[in-house]
């Protein structure tokens, strides 16, 4: 007789084994990094401090306190016989990559870009570095770079907030007044693996999701035949891209909102459907698959209470958009998680 778990696992502190695996969303980035694409996943922020004498020593101390508070900032990801693993460094043993240098305004932008583009060796390096570019006694730029394996876009707000709290405390000679974190990222990783289960278990969530997406995406075009210019003779970076800004006037925005409301959809769904329609029209294909990166925050407690830097990530997939019928396309493009 086959039995299923009575209730899903609870996200809570739990014992940590000797070997902690990567969270599922971290694995693809780890493998990409080991193939030489580590810098593609860097998340960089530059913060300019002006108007008062900046205490560079306090800023260094605040970065160390930040790493002590958030495990992912002091985690290495070495390869093991059983695959990549998380290796959390003890706060007392952390040596951060923090470099202070004096610089001119003309040198600032290239220096920040160079720091953002420098790759991490995830098997050896801690996934965070900081550059303190001193332009004057009251003008300092902090360039903070964290690998996406340890942070995501939604985490940057709490991360910077904690850094500001730590800096002000260090300037005042006091301890930061932040609340302790209820769980660690290792707790989350172990919970996520327990929640998904093993692919060898036919009743596991992992097996169910794999079977669902294998069926949902079966038979889709591997490559759409889009009209493109002749390819240049020199190889193109496979991750090269561009930003194409699009804006709508108030009347168009109102019309899009009405269309979304009529179809009981969100504005995002309508815009994604319009994008798929456009791609399908160019490719003369009624089968278009659109993948959108989302945060993957699938546990309310994890979102509301626990906000350390981390990476989760997920993909919102929509498929089969009949490009000849916009209203039907909007209904068919409702995302599935």
Protein backbone atom coordinates (compact mmCIF):
# COMPACT_ATOMS: atom_id res chain seq x y z
CA UNK A 1 0.00 0.00 0.00
CA UNK A 2 1.34 3.44 -0.95
CA UNK A 3 1.05 6.22 1.56
CA UNK A 4 1.33 9.95 1.13
CA UNK A 5 2.58 12.45 3.73
CA UNK A 6 -0.24 13.56 6.01
CA UNK A 7 0.82 17.22 5.98
CA UNK A 8 3.46 19.33 4.25
CA UNK A 9 6.67 19.98 6.21
CA UNK A 10 6.81 23.08 8.37
CA UNK A 11 9.41 25.78 7.68
CA UNK A 12 11.18 25.97 11.03
CA UNK A 13 14.68 25.60 12.51
CA UNK A 14 15.93 22.03 12.25
CA UNK A 15 19.15 20.06 12.87
CA UNK A 16 21.81 20.63 10.22
CA UNK A 17 23.53 17.59 8.70
CA UNK A 18 27.25 17.47 8.00
CA UNK A 19 26.59 18.01 4.30
CA UNK A 20 24.01 20.59 3.27
CA UNK A 21 22.97 20.45 -0.40
CA UNK A 22 22.27 23.48 -2.52
CA UNK A 23 18.70 24.68 -2.80
CA UNK A 24 17.21 23.57 -6.14
CA UNK A 25 17.30 27.08 -7.59
CA UNK A 26 20.99 27.44 -6.70
CA UNK A 27 22.15 24.38 -8.59
CA UNK A 28 21.77 25.75 -12.13
CA UNK A 29 23.77 28.86 -11.21
CA UNK A 30 26.49 26.78 -9.60
CA UNK A 31 26.87 24.67 -12.74
CA UNK A 32 26.81 27.78 -14.94
CA UNK A 33 29.53 29.34 -12.78
CA UNK A 34 31.73 26.27 -13.03
CA UNK A 35 31.41 26.50 -16.83
CA UNK A 36 32.85 30.01 -16.82
CA UNK A 37 29.64 32.06 -16.61
CA UNK A 38 29.94 33.12 -12.96
CA UNK A 39 29.99 36.88 -13.60
CA UNK A 40 26.70 36.68 -15.50
CA UNK A 41 25.00 36.11 -12.14
CA UNK A 42 26.54 39.01 -10.21
CA UNK A 43 24.13 41.38 -8.45
CA UNK A 44 25.71 44.81 -7.95
CA UNK A 45 24.63 47.94 -6.11
CA UNK A 46 26.51 51.23 -5.75
CA UNK A 47 25.67 53.55 -2.85
CA UNK A 48 27.06 57.07 -2.65
CA UNK A 49 27.56 58.55 0.82
CA UNK A 50 27.80 62.34 0.89
CA UNK A 51 27.22 65.35 3.07
CA UNK A 52 29.10 64.34 6.22
CA UNK A 53 32.41 62.83 7.15
CA UNK A 54 32.18 59.16 6.15
CA UNK A 55 33.68 56.72 8.64
CA UNK A 56 35.33 54.15 6.37
CA UNK A 57 36.43 51.99 9.33
CA UNK A 58 32.83 51.85 10.57
CA UNK A 59 31.69 50.89 7.08
CA UNK A 60 34.18 48.00 7.03
CA UNK A 61 32.96 46.85 10.44
CA UNK A 62 29.33 47.10 9.31
CA UNK A 63 30.05 44.81 6.33
CA UNK A 64 31.52 42.22 8.69
CA UNK A 65 28.45 42.43 10.94
CA UNK A 66 26.24 42.04 7.87
CA UNK A 67 28.03 38.84 6.87
CA UNK A 68 27.78 37.53 10.43
CA UNK A 69 24.00 38.12 10.43
CA UNK A 70 23.28 36.54 7.03
CA UNK A 71 24.66 33.04 6.45
CA UNK A 72 24.48 33.16 2.62
CA UNK A 73 27.01 36.02 2.55
CA UNK A 74 29.60 33.78 4.23
CA UNK A 75 28.88 30.54 2.43
CA UNK A 76 31.15 28.73 0.00
CA UNK A 77 29.85 26.14 -2.44
CA UNK A 78 32.51 23.45 -2.91
CA UNK A 79 32.11 20.38 -5.08
CA UNK A 80 31.80 17.09 -3.19
CA UNK A 81 31.47 13.46 -4.17
CA UNK A 82 27.69 13.85 -3.77
CA UNK A 83 27.46 17.12 -5.68
CA UNK A 84 27.88 20.78 -4.68
CA UNK A 85 27.24 21.65 -1.05
CA UNK A 86 26.84 24.67 1.19
CA UNK A 87 29.76 25.36 3.52
CA UNK A 88 28.88 28.13 5.97
CA UNK A 89 31.95 29.86 7.39
CA UNK A 90 31.99 30.72 11.10
CA UNK A 91 31.61 34.50 11.62
CA UNK A 92 34.93 34.67 13.50
CA UNK A 93 36.73 33.11 10.51
CA UNK A 94 35.24 35.37 7.85
CA UNK A 95 37.72 37.40 5.80
CA UNK A 96 35.79 39.72 3.53
CA UNK A 97 37.06 40.98 0.19
CA UNK A 98 36.89 44.71 0.99
CA UNK A 99 39.24 47.09 -0.81
CA UNK A 100 39.49 50.81 -0.22
CA UNK A 101 40.96 53.05 -2.89
CA UNK A 102 41.09 56.75 -3.67
CA UNK A 103 39.65 57.61 -7.02
CA UNK A 104 38.57 60.51 -9.21
CA UNK A 105 35.11 61.18 -10.58
CA UNK A 106 36.27 60.25 -14.09
CA UNK A 107 37.56 56.89 -12.86
CA UNK A 108 34.49 56.03 -10.79
CA UNK A 109 32.10 54.53 -13.38
CA UNK A 110 34.71 52.24 -15.01
CA UNK A 111 35.90 51.09 -11.58
CA UNK A 112 32.36 50.23 -10.42
CA UNK A 113 31.72 48.35 -13.67
CA UNK A 114 34.98 46.42 -13.37
CA UNK A 115 34.08 45.33 -9.84
CA UNK A 116 30.59 44.24 -10.95
CA UNK A 117 32.00 42.18 -13.83
CA UNK A 118 34.65 40.32 -11.83
CA UNK A 119 33.64 36.65 -11.43
CA UNK A 120 33.48 34.71 -8.17
CA UNK A 121 34.97 31.27 -7.70
CA UNK A 122 32.05 29.84 -5.76
CA UNK A 123 34.00 26.78 -4.64
CA UNK A 124 36.59 28.97 -2.90
CA UNK A 125 35.43 32.58 -2.56
CA UNK A 126 32.79 34.06 -0.31
CA UNK A 127 30.01 35.34 -2.59
CA UNK A 128 30.29 39.01 -1.55
CA UNK A 129 32.86 41.72 -2.10
CA UNK A 130 32.90 45.45 -1.50
CA UNK A 131 34.88 48.31 -2.95
CA UNK A 132 35.11 51.60 -1.09
CA UNK A 133 35.86 54.31 -3.63
CA UNK A 134 36.94 57.41 -1.74
CA UNK A 135 36.52 60.61 -3.73
CA UNK A 136 36.94 62.87 -0.70
CA UNK A 137 36.47 63.00 3.08
CA UNK A 138 32.71 63.51 2.64
CA UNK A 139 32.22 61.57 -0.60
CA UNK A 140 32.49 57.76 -0.65
CA UNK A 141 30.93 55.25 -3.02
CA UNK A 142 30.30 51.74 -1.73
CA UNK A 143 30.14 49.22 -4.58
CA UNK A 144 28.64 46.00 -3.22
CA UNK A 145 28.67 42.88 -5.41
CA UNK A 146 26.98 39.62 -4.36
CA UNK A 147 26.61 36.49 -6.44
CA UNK A 148 23.01 35.64 -7.29
CA UNK A 149 23.46 32.20 -5.70
CA UNK A 150 23.31 33.98 -2.33
CA UNK A 151 21.00 36.92 -2.99
CA UNK A 152 18.06 37.90 -5.18
CA UNK A 153 16.56 41.22 -6.17
CA UNK A 154 13.90 41.14 -3.49
CA UNK A 155 16.56 40.62 -0.82
CA UNK A 156 18.55 43.72 -1.71
CA UNK A 157 16.22 46.10 0.15
CA UNK A 158 16.50 44.27 3.51
CA UNK A 159 20.22 43.76 2.88
CA UNK A 160 20.91 47.47 2.37
CA UNK A 161 18.65 48.31 5.30
CA UNK A 162 20.62 46.00 7.59
CA UNK A 163 23.88 47.51 6.32
CA UNK A 164 22.68 51.03 7.16
CA UNK A 165 21.61 49.88 10.63
CA UNK A 166 24.99 48.25 11.22
CA UNK A 167 26.91 51.30 9.95
CA UNK A 168 25.03 53.73 12.21
CA UNK A 169 25.60 51.41 15.17
CA UNK A 170 29.32 51.13 14.41
CA UNK A 171 29.58 54.91 14.15
CA UNK A 172 27.91 55.21 17.56
CA UNK A 173 29.96 52.39 19.09
CA UNK A 174 26.90 50.27 19.83
CA UNK A 175 25.50 46.94 18.65
CA UNK A 176 22.95 46.95 15.81
CA UNK A 177 19.39 46.93 17.13
CA UNK A 178 18.00 44.42 14.66
CA UNK A 179 15.72 41.54 15.55
CA UNK A 180 17.22 38.03 15.37
CA UNK A 181 16.34 35.93 12.33
CA UNK A 182 13.95 33.10 13.09
CA UNK A 183 15.40 30.66 10.54
CA UNK A 184 18.54 30.36 8.44
CA UNK A 185 18.94 29.72 4.75
CA UNK A 186 20.16 26.21 5.57
CA UNK A 187 16.84 25.66 7.36
CA UNK A 188 15.04 26.83 4.23
CA UNK A 189 17.15 24.57 1.98
CA UNK A 190 16.46 21.47 4.05
CA UNK A 191 12.76 22.34 4.22
CA UNK A 192 12.63 22.81 0.44
CA UNK A 193 14.22 19.43 -0.22
CA UNK A 194 11.85 17.80 2.27
CA UNK A 195 8.91 19.55 0.60
CA UNK A 196 9.91 18.44 -2.91
CA UNK A 197 10.99 14.93 -2.00
CA UNK A 198 12.95 12.60 -4.27
CA UNK A 199 12.44 11.89 -7.95
CA UNK A 200 12.58 8.19 -7.10
CA UNK A 201 9.33 8.59 -5.13
CA UNK A 202 6.35 8.51 -7.49
CA UNK A 203 4.20 10.42 -4.99
CA UNK A 204 6.71 13.22 -4.34
CA UNK A 205 6.04 16.81 -5.34
CA UNK A 206 9.22 16.83 -7.40
CA UNK A 207 8.04 13.86 -9.46
CA UNK A 208 4.59 15.38 -9.87
CA UNK A 209 5.98 18.71 -11.08
CA UNK A 210 8.45 17.06 -13.44
CA UNK A 211 5.68 14.93 -14.94
CA UNK A 212 3.38 17.96 -15.27
CA UNK A 213 5.92 20.12 -17.09
CA UNK A 214 7.12 17.26 -19.28
CA UNK A 215 3.53 16.86 -20.49
CA UNK A 216 2.78 20.60 -20.67
CA UNK A 217 5.84 21.35 -22.80
CA UNK A 218 5.84 18.19 -24.91
CA UNK A 219 5.97 18.84 -28.63
CA UNK A 220 6.61 22.57 -28.43
CA UNK A 221 8.85 24.10 -31.11
CA UNK A 222 12.45 23.84 -30.00
CA UNK A 223 13.33 27.04 -31.87
CA UNK A 224 10.99 29.59 -33.41
CA UNK A 225 11.76 30.64 -36.97
CA UNK A 226 12.03 34.39 -36.49
CA UNK A 227 13.00 36.76 -39.31
CA UNK A 228 16.44 38.02 -38.28
CA UNK A 229 19.30 39.77 -39.91
CA UNK A 230 22.21 37.78 -41.24
CA UNK A 231 24.42 36.61 -38.40
CA UNK A 232 27.82 38.31 -38.14
CA UNK A 233 30.91 36.24 -38.77
CA UNK A 234 32.18 36.75 -35.21
CA UNK A 235 30.57 34.63 -32.46
CA UNK A 236 27.88 36.29 -30.35
CA UNK A 237 27.85 36.02 -26.57
CA UNK A 238 24.89 33.67 -25.84
CA UNK A 239 23.75 35.84 -22.92
CA UNK A 240 24.03 39.16 -24.78
CA UNK A 241 20.84 41.16 -24.84
CA UNK A 242 19.37 44.62 -24.80
CA UNK A 243 16.78 46.68 -22.95
CA UNK A 244 13.99 48.09 -25.10
CA UNK A 245 11.97 50.63 -23.09
CA UNK A 246 8.24 50.72 -23.82
CA UNK A 247 5.82 53.31 -22.47
CA UNK A 248 2.04 53.76 -22.70
CA UNK A 249 -0.01 56.90 -22.42
CA UNK A 250 -2.83 57.15 -19.88
CA UNK A 251 -5.56 56.19 -22.34
CA UNK A 252 -3.75 53.06 -23.49
CA UNK A 253 -3.03 52.08 -19.90
CA UNK A 254 -6.69 52.48 -18.99
CA UNK A 255 -7.71 50.34 -21.95
CA UNK A 256 -5.28 47.61 -20.97
CA UNK A 257 -6.67 47.62 -17.43
CA UNK A 258 -10.22 47.28 -18.78
CA UNK A 259 -9.13 44.38 -20.98
CA UNK A 260 -7.53 42.68 -17.98
CA UNK A 261 -10.62 43.17 -15.84
CA UNK A 262 -12.91 41.84 -18.59
CA UNK A 263 -10.81 38.69 -18.84
CA UNK A 264 -10.39 38.36 -15.05
CA UNK A 265 -6.65 38.61 -15.57
CA UNK A 266 -3.86 40.85 -14.33
CA UNK A 267 -2.19 43.57 -16.37
CA UNK A 268 0.94 41.40 -16.41
CA UNK A 269 -1.01 38.57 -18.06
CA UNK A 270 -2.31 40.91 -20.75
CA UNK A 271 1.14 42.30 -21.51
CA UNK A 272 2.65 38.83 -21.55
CA UNK A 273 -0.08 37.69 -23.93
CA UNK A 274 0.61 40.68 -26.18
CA UNK A 275 4.29 39.80 -26.20
CA UNK A 276 3.55 36.19 -27.11
CA UNK A 277 1.13 37.31 -29.83
CA UNK A 278 3.81 39.53 -31.33
CA UNK A 279 6.42 36.77 -31.25
CA UNK A 280 3.93 34.29 -32.70
CA UNK A 281 3.01 36.67 -35.51
CA UNK A 282 6.63 37.20 -36.50
CA UNK A 283 7.37 33.47 -36.31
CA UNK A 284 4.06 32.46 -37.93
CA UNK A 285 3.57 30.06 -35.05
CA UNK A 286 0.49 29.44 -32.89
CA UNK A 287 2.63 27.68 -30.26
CA UNK A 288 4.72 30.11 -28.27
CA UNK A 289 6.27 29.41 -24.88
CA UNK A 290 7.17 32.39 -22.68
CA UNK A 291 9.25 31.98 -19.52
CA UNK A 292 9.36 34.81 -16.99
CA UNK A 293 11.71 34.94 -14.02
CA UNK A 294 9.86 35.33 -10.69
CA UNK A 295 10.97 35.36 -7.07
CA UNK A 296 9.64 31.91 -6.14
CA UNK A 297 8.52 33.03 -2.68
CA UNK A 298 6.10 30.20 -2.03
CA UNK A 299 5.83 30.29 1.75
CA UNK A 300 4.12 33.15 3.58
CA UNK A 301 6.26 32.89 6.68
CA UNK A 302 9.38 32.92 4.56
CA UNK A 303 8.23 36.15 2.90
CA UNK A 304 6.90 37.93 5.96
CA UNK A 305 9.35 37.00 8.70
CA UNK A 306 12.58 35.75 7.23
CA UNK A 307 14.27 38.16 4.88
CA UNK A 308 17.97 37.31 4.65
CA UNK A 309 19.86 37.55 1.38
CA UNK A 310 19.22 34.38 -0.55
CA UNK A 311 18.39 33.09 -3.97
CA UNK A 312 15.26 31.16 -4.78
CA UNK A 313 13.96 32.03 -8.18
CA UNK A 314 11.44 30.27 -10.35
CA UNK A 315 9.96 30.40 -13.82
CA UNK A 316 6.43 31.36 -14.72
CA UNK A 317 5.62 29.47 -17.94
CA UNK A 318 2.86 30.22 -20.43
CA UNK A 319 2.33 28.21 -23.58
CA UNK A 320 0.07 27.80 -26.63
CA UNK A 321 -0.97 31.31 -27.51
CA UNK A 322 -3.22 31.41 -30.61
CA UNK A 323 -1.90 34.62 -32.15
CA UNK A 324 -5.00 35.29 -34.22
CA UNK A 325 -7.30 35.84 -31.20
CA UNK A 326 -6.06 38.41 -28.63
CA UNK A 327 -8.89 37.95 -26.10
CA UNK A 328 -8.58 34.17 -26.18
CA UNK A 329 -4.81 34.58 -25.87
CA UNK A 330 -5.23 36.57 -22.66
CA UNK A 331 -7.31 33.78 -21.15
CA UNK A 332 -4.93 31.07 -22.34
CA UNK A 333 -1.90 32.91 -20.99
CA UNK A 334 -2.86 32.67 -17.35
CA UNK A 335 0.30 31.50 -15.61
CA UNK A 336 0.75 28.21 -13.86
CA UNK A 337 3.24 27.79 -11.04
